[in-house]
Amino acid sequence: MREHYALTLRYWVANLTKRFDEAVEEVGAERARVWRLYMSGSAVGFERRHLEIHQILCVRPLNGSSGLGLRPDLSASF
């Protein structure tokens, strides 16, 4: 998910920028600027691999076992 999250944040910043006046009306200038700064900085953090995001998959065990391994094989992602 990390490699896609920076792109998602960039899209969110672009949408916020396009509708910034509406955001200011809704939440005020200070909060809208904080959102833009936070999302822009987070995008850079993900691009530079300083930030990560993790997804948790929960399953109901069948006969005491989920059938999933303890850890995914991460060697292919680096």
Protein backbone atom coordinates (compact mmCIF):
# COMPACT_ATOMS: atom_id res chain seq x y z
CA MET A 1 0.00 0.00 0.00
CA ARG A 2 2.88 2.38 0.71
CA GLU A 3 3.82 2.89 -2.93
CA HIS A 4 0.26 3.90 -3.79
CA TYR A 5 -0.43 6.02 -0.72
CA ALA A 6 1.83 8.88 -1.82
CA LEU A 7 -0.11 9.10 -5.08
CA THR A 8 -3.41 9.03 -3.19
CA LEU A 9 -2.22 11.89 -0.98
CA ARG A 10 -1.14 13.89 -4.03
CA TYR A 11 -4.64 13.50 -5.50
CA TRP A 12 -6.20 14.59 -2.21
CA VAL A 13 -3.97 17.68 -2.12
CA ALA A 14 -4.88 18.50 -5.73
CA ASN A 15 -8.59 18.21 -4.92
CA LEU A 16 -8.20 20.31 -1.79
CA THR A 17 -6.30 22.95 -3.76
CA LYS A 18 -9.00 23.06 -6.46
CA ARG A 19 -11.71 23.56 -3.85
CA PHE A 20 -9.67 25.40 -1.25
CA ASP A 21 -12.14 28.28 -0.90
CA GLU A 22 -14.91 25.80 -0.09
CA ALA A 23 -12.70 24.08 2.48
CA VAL A 24 -11.93 27.45 4.10
CA GLU A 25 -15.64 28.22 4.31
CA GLU A 26 -16.27 24.82 5.89
CA VAL A 27 -13.42 24.59 8.44
CA GLY A 28 -11.52 27.89 8.38
CA ALA A 29 -8.28 28.96 6.71
CA GLU A 30 -5.94 27.67 9.41
CA ARG A 31 -7.34 24.14 9.44
CA ALA A 32 -7.48 23.96 5.63
CA ARG A 33 -3.82 25.00 5.43
CA VAL A 34 -2.88 22.42 8.07
CA TRP A 35 -4.63 19.70 6.06
CA ARG A 36 -2.79 20.74 2.89
CA LEU A 37 0.56 20.87 4.67
CA TYR A 38 0.00 17.55 6.48
CA MET A 39 -1.03 15.69 3.33
CA SER A 40 1.77 17.21 1.24
CA GLY A 41 4.37 16.37 3.87
CA SER A 42 2.98 12.87 4.28
CA ALA A 43 3.19 12.29 0.53
CA VAL A 44 6.88 13.23 0.62
CA GLY A 45 7.39 10.93 3.61
CA PHE A 46 5.87 7.98 1.74
CA GLU A 47 7.84 8.76 -1.43
CA ARG A 48 11.11 8.83 0.52
CA ARG A 49 10.15 5.71 2.48
CA HIS A 50 10.17 7.52 5.81
CA LEU A 51 6.51 6.67 6.41
CA GLU A 52 4.71 3.37 6.07
CA ILE A 53 1.15 2.14 6.19
CA HIS A 54 0.07 -1.32 7.25
CA GLN A 55 -3.09 -3.20 6.52
CA ILE A 56 -4.45 -5.84 8.85
CA LEU A 57 -6.51 -8.72 7.52
CA CYS A 58 -8.71 -10.43 10.07
CA VAL A 59 -10.23 -13.81 9.31
CA ARG A 60 -12.42 -16.18 11.25
CA PRO A 61 -10.41 -19.32 11.95
CA LEU A 62 -11.68 -22.62 10.60
CA ASN A 63 -11.02 -25.44 13.04
CA GLY A 64 -8.57 -23.23 14.94
CA SER A 65 -6.52 -22.14 11.89
CA SER A 66 -6.87 -19.20 9.51
CA GLY A 67 -4.89 -20.97 6.79
CA LEU A 68 -2.65 -17.90 6.44
CA GLY A 69 1.08 -17.85 7.06
CA LEU A 70 2.48 -16.01 10.08
CA ARG A 71 4.20 -13.35 7.96
CA PRO A 72 4.04 -12.42 4.27
CA ASP A 73 7.08 -12.89 2.02
CA LEU A 74 8.49 -9.34 1.90
CA SER A 75 11.53 -10.13 -0.24
CA ALA A 76 9.69 -9.36 -3.47
CA SER A 77 8.66 -5.84 -2.37
CA PHE A 78 12.18 -4.42 -1.96
